Amino acid sequence: MNLQNEGKEVRGNVNPDYAACIEACQTCALDCEVCLVAMMGKSSPNDCPLCCYECLEACLQCSRASARNSQYAKDYCQLCAKICDWCAEQCSEHDMEHCQRCADSCRVCADECRSMAQLN
């Protein structure tokens, strides 16, 4: 999904400043879901896959709040970044490809969420 269109507002009233964050959240939620399913029933020495569940829920809520220009969007972004950092740390400790992809998506999402939280 590409919400950006040469700096123009697209898809209804989505603020173009939020587009990169929304996309990162959606990608992260998907990668967390894949990791969560792959890790179900497996033993883990850390908080994976619990972190994936927490992270995907945070990402979905953050993207929804951002899409509707919620007055709390920046607050959601700050929390989402914190949860994404935690999930990235947990998943990066595993060698499985799905965990590494999840960790990478979490890092990108955390960066985008922090950037959006700092917008004026």
C-alpha atoms as a PDB file:
ATOM      1  CA  MET A   1       0.000   0.000   0.000  1.00  0.00           C
ATOM      2  CA  ASN A   2       1.378   3.398  -0.902  1.00  0.00           C
ATOM      3  CA  LEU A   3      -0.287   6.335   0.806  1.00  0.00           C
ATOM      4  CA  GLN A   4       2.238   8.891  -0.431  1.00  0.00           C
ATOM      5  CA  ASN A   5       1.591  10.739  -3.656  1.00  0.00           C
ATOM      6  CA  GLU A   6       4.220  13.417  -4.313  1.00  0.00           C
ATOM      7  CA  GLY A   7       3.450  15.165  -1.030  1.00  0.00           C
ATOM      8  CA  LYS A   8      -0.269  15.402  -1.763  1.00  0.00           C
ATOM      9  CA  GLU A   9      -3.013  14.234   0.520  1.00  0.00           C
ATOM     10  CA  VAL A  10      -4.434  10.915  -0.635  1.00  0.00           C
ATOM     11  CA  ARG A  11      -7.055   8.423   0.502  1.00  0.00           C
ATOM     12  CA  GLY A  12      -9.581  10.811   1.941  1.00  0.00           C
ATOM     13  CA  ASN A  13      -8.330  12.934   4.805  1.00  0.00           C
ATOM     14  CA  VAL A  14      -5.117  11.063   5.614  1.00  0.00           C
ATOM     15  CA  ASN A  15      -2.501  13.595   6.581  1.00  0.00           C
ATOM     16  CA  PRO A  16       0.441  13.109   4.172  1.00  0.00           C
ATOM     17  CA  ASP A  17       2.846  13.718   7.071  1.00  0.00           C
ATOM     18  CA  TYR A  18       1.518  10.512   8.642  1.00  0.00           C
ATOM     19  CA  ALA A  19       1.733   8.309   5.525  1.00  0.00           C
ATOM     20  CA  ALA A  20       5.189   6.824   6.158  1.00  0.00           C
ATOM     21  CA  CYS A  21       4.281   6.027   9.755  1.00  0.00           C
ATOM     22  CA  ILE A  22       1.003   4.379   8.750  1.00  0.00           C
ATOM     23  CA  GLU A  23       2.759   2.245   6.146  1.00  0.00           C
ATOM     24  CA  ALA A  24       5.518   1.247   8.585  1.00  0.00           C
ATOM     25  CA  CYS A  25       2.912   0.308  11.197  1.00  0.00           C
ATOM     26  CA  GLN A  26       0.975  -1.814   8.729  1.00  0.00           C
ATOM     27  CA  THR A  27       4.108  -3.610   7.530  1.00  0.00           C
ATOM     28  CA  CYS A  28       5.257  -4.181  11.095  1.00  0.00           C
ATOM     29  CA  ALA A  29       1.851  -5.524  12.154  1.00  0.00           C
ATOM     30  CA  LEU A  30       1.946  -8.019   9.284  1.00  0.00           C
ATOM     31  CA  ASP A  31       5.491  -9.162  10.048  1.00  0.00           C
ATOM     32  CA  CYS A  32       4.622  -9.481  13.749  1.00  0.00           C
ATOM     33  CA  GLU A  33       1.591 -11.593  12.855  1.00  0.00           C
ATOM     34  CA  VAL A  34       3.743 -13.920  10.728  1.00  0.00           C
ATOM     35  CA  CYS A  35       6.305 -14.225  13.519  1.00  0.00           C
ATOM     36  CA  LEU A  36       3.610 -14.802  16.133  1.00  0.00           C
ATOM     37  CA  VAL A  37       2.049 -17.637  14.154  1.00  0.00           C
ATOM     38  CA  ALA A  38       5.433 -19.202  13.383  1.00  0.00           C
ATOM     39  CA  MET A  39       6.419 -19.129  17.066  1.00  0.00           C
ATOM     40  CA  MET A  40       3.128 -20.473  18.472  1.00  0.00           C
ATOM     41  CA  GLY A  41       3.746 -23.581  20.512  1.00  0.00           C
ATOM     42  CA  LYS A  42       7.526 -23.183  20.428  1.00  0.00           C
ATOM     43  CA  SER A  43       9.606 -22.545  23.484  1.00  0.00           C
ATOM     44  CA  SER A  44      11.409 -19.234  23.652  1.00  0.00           C
ATOM     45  CA  PRO A  45      13.966 -17.989  26.168  1.00  0.00           C
ATOM     46  CA  ASN A  46      12.601 -14.443  25.932  1.00  0.00           C
ATOM     47  CA  ASP A  47       9.342 -12.556  25.319  1.00  0.00           C
ATOM     48  CA  CYS A  48       8.913 -13.660  21.697  1.00  0.00           C
ATOM     49  CA  PRO A  49       6.111 -14.296  20.622  1.00  0.00           C
ATOM     50  CA  LEU A  50       4.314 -12.285  23.323  1.00  0.00           C
ATOM     51  CA  CYS A  51       6.079  -9.152  22.112  1.00  0.00           C
ATOM     52  CA  CYS A  52       4.773  -9.805  18.580  1.00  0.00           C
ATOM     53  CA  TYR A  53       1.188  -9.825  19.818  1.00  0.00           C
ATOM     54  CA  GLU A  54       1.669  -6.632  21.811  1.00  0.00           C
ATOM     55  CA  CYS A  55       3.475  -4.976  18.912  1.00  0.00           C
ATOM     56  CA  LEU A  56       0.972  -5.846  16.207  1.00  0.00           C
ATOM     57  CA  GLU A  57      -1.870  -4.509  18.354  1.00  0.00           C
ATOM     58  CA  ALA A  58       0.043  -1.287  19.028  1.00  0.00           C
ATOM     59  CA  CYS A  59       0.864  -0.871  15.337  1.00  0.00           C
ATOM     60  CA  LEU A  60      -2.730  -1.373  14.255  1.00  0.00           C
ATOM     61  CA  GLN A  61      -4.019   1.120  16.803  1.00  0.00           C
ATOM     62  CA  CYS A  62      -1.317   3.637  15.899  1.00  0.00           C
ATOM     63  CA  SER A  63      -2.078   3.398  12.184  1.00  0.00           C
ATOM     64  CA  ARG A  64      -5.826   3.775  12.823  1.00  0.00           C
ATOM     65  CA  ALA A  65      -5.319   6.796  15.066  1.00  0.00           C
ATOM     66  CA  SER A  66      -2.979   8.376  12.533  1.00  0.00           C
ATOM     67  CA  ALA A  67      -5.324   7.700   9.618  1.00  0.00           C
ATOM     68  CA  ARG A  68      -8.176   9.470  11.384  1.00  0.00           C
ATOM     69  CA  ASN A  69      -5.949  12.357  12.510  1.00  0.00           C
ATOM     70  CA  SER A  70      -6.676  11.603  16.144  1.00  0.00           C
ATOM     71  CA  GLN A  71      -5.644  14.238  18.626  1.00  0.00           C
ATOM     72  CA  TYR A  72      -3.835  11.381  20.381  1.00  0.00           C
ATOM     73  CA  ALA A  73      -1.985  10.093  17.301  1.00  0.00           C
ATOM     74  CA  LYS A  74       1.379  11.326  18.575  1.00  0.00           C
ATOM     75  CA  ASP A  75       0.762   9.668  21.943  1.00  0.00           C
ATOM     76  CA  TYR A  76      -0.054   6.391  20.193  1.00  0.00           C
ATOM     77  CA  CYS A  77       3.127   6.796  18.138  1.00  0.00           C
ATOM     78  CA  GLN A  78       5.285   7.248  21.219  1.00  0.00           C
ATOM     79  CA  LEU A  79       3.875   4.112  22.800  1.00  0.00           C
ATOM     80  CA  CYS A  80       4.098   2.180  19.542  1.00  0.00           C
ATOM     81  CA  ALA A  81       7.779   3.122  19.175  1.00  0.00           C
ATOM     82  CA  LYS A  82       8.491   1.882  22.688  1.00  0.00           C
ATOM     83  CA  ILE A  83       6.731  -1.439  22.057  1.00  0.00           C
ATOM     84  CA  CYS A  84       8.426  -1.831  18.659  1.00  0.00           C
ATOM     85  CA  ASP A  85      11.834  -1.298  20.281  1.00  0.00           C
ATOM     86  CA  TRP A  86      11.051  -4.045  22.797  1.00  0.00           C
ATOM     87  CA  CYS A  87       9.830  -6.431  20.114  1.00  0.00           C
ATOM     88  CA  ALA A  88      12.854  -5.742  17.905  1.00  0.00           C
ATOM     89  CA  GLU A  89      15.154  -6.511  20.821  1.00  0.00           C
ATOM     90  CA  GLN A  90      13.366  -9.781  21.597  1.00  0.00           C
ATOM     91  CA  CYS A  91      13.005 -11.054  18.029  1.00  0.00           C
ATOM     92  CA  SER A  92      16.550 -10.108  17.021  1.00  0.00           C
ATOM     93  CA  GLU A  93      17.847 -12.633  19.566  1.00  0.00           C
ATOM     94  CA  HIS A  94      16.427 -15.467  17.419  1.00  0.00           C
ATOM     95  CA  ASP A  95      18.049 -16.808  14.264  1.00  0.00           C
ATOM     96  CA  MET A  96      14.817 -17.629  12.433  1.00  0.00           C
ATOM     97  CA  GLU A  97      14.211 -15.587   9.287  1.00  0.00           C
ATOM     98  CA  HIS A  98      10.701 -14.584  10.376  1.00  0.00           C
ATOM     99  CA  CYS A  99      12.061 -13.252  13.680  1.00  0.00           C
ATOM    100  CA  GLN A 100      14.786 -11.277  11.921  1.00  0.00           C
ATOM    101  CA  ARG A 101      12.256  -9.812   9.462  1.00  0.00           C
ATOM    102  CA  CYS A 102       9.984  -8.918  12.374  1.00  0.00           C
ATOM    103  CA  ALA A 103      12.861  -7.228  14.226  1.00  0.00           C
ATOM    104  CA  ASP A 104      13.784  -5.237  11.118  1.00  0.00           C
ATOM    105  CA  SER A 105      10.186  -4.087  10.595  1.00  0.00           C
ATOM    106  CA  CYS A 106       9.935  -3.144  14.256  1.00  0.00           C
ATOM    107  CA  ARG A 107      13.044  -0.971  14.008  1.00  0.00           C
ATOM    108  CA  VAL A 108      11.728   0.844  10.925  1.00  0.00           C
ATOM    109  CA  CYS A 109       8.336   1.324  12.554  1.00  0.00           C
ATOM    110  CA  ALA A 110       9.854   2.619  15.782  1.00  0.00           C
ATOM    111  CA  ASP A 111      11.873   5.190  13.835  1.00  0.00           C
ATOM    112  CA  GLU A 112       8.839   6.332  11.824  1.00  0.00           C
ATOM    113  CA  CYS A 113       6.693   6.541  14.944  1.00  0.00           C
ATOM    114  CA  ARG A 114       9.310   8.609  16.762  1.00  0.00           C
ATOM    115  CA  SER A 115       9.552  10.942  13.759  1.00  0.00           C
ATOM    116  CA  MET A 116       5.802  11.411  13.652  1.00  0.00           C
ATOM    117  CA  ALA A 117       5.574  11.960  17.410  1.00  0.00           C
ATOM    118  CA  GLN A 118       7.997  14.881  17.013  1.00  0.00           C
ATOM    119  CA  LEU A 119       5.958  16.659  14.303  1.00  0.00           C
ATOM    120  CA  ASN A 120       4.568  20.042  15.297  1.00  0.00           C
END
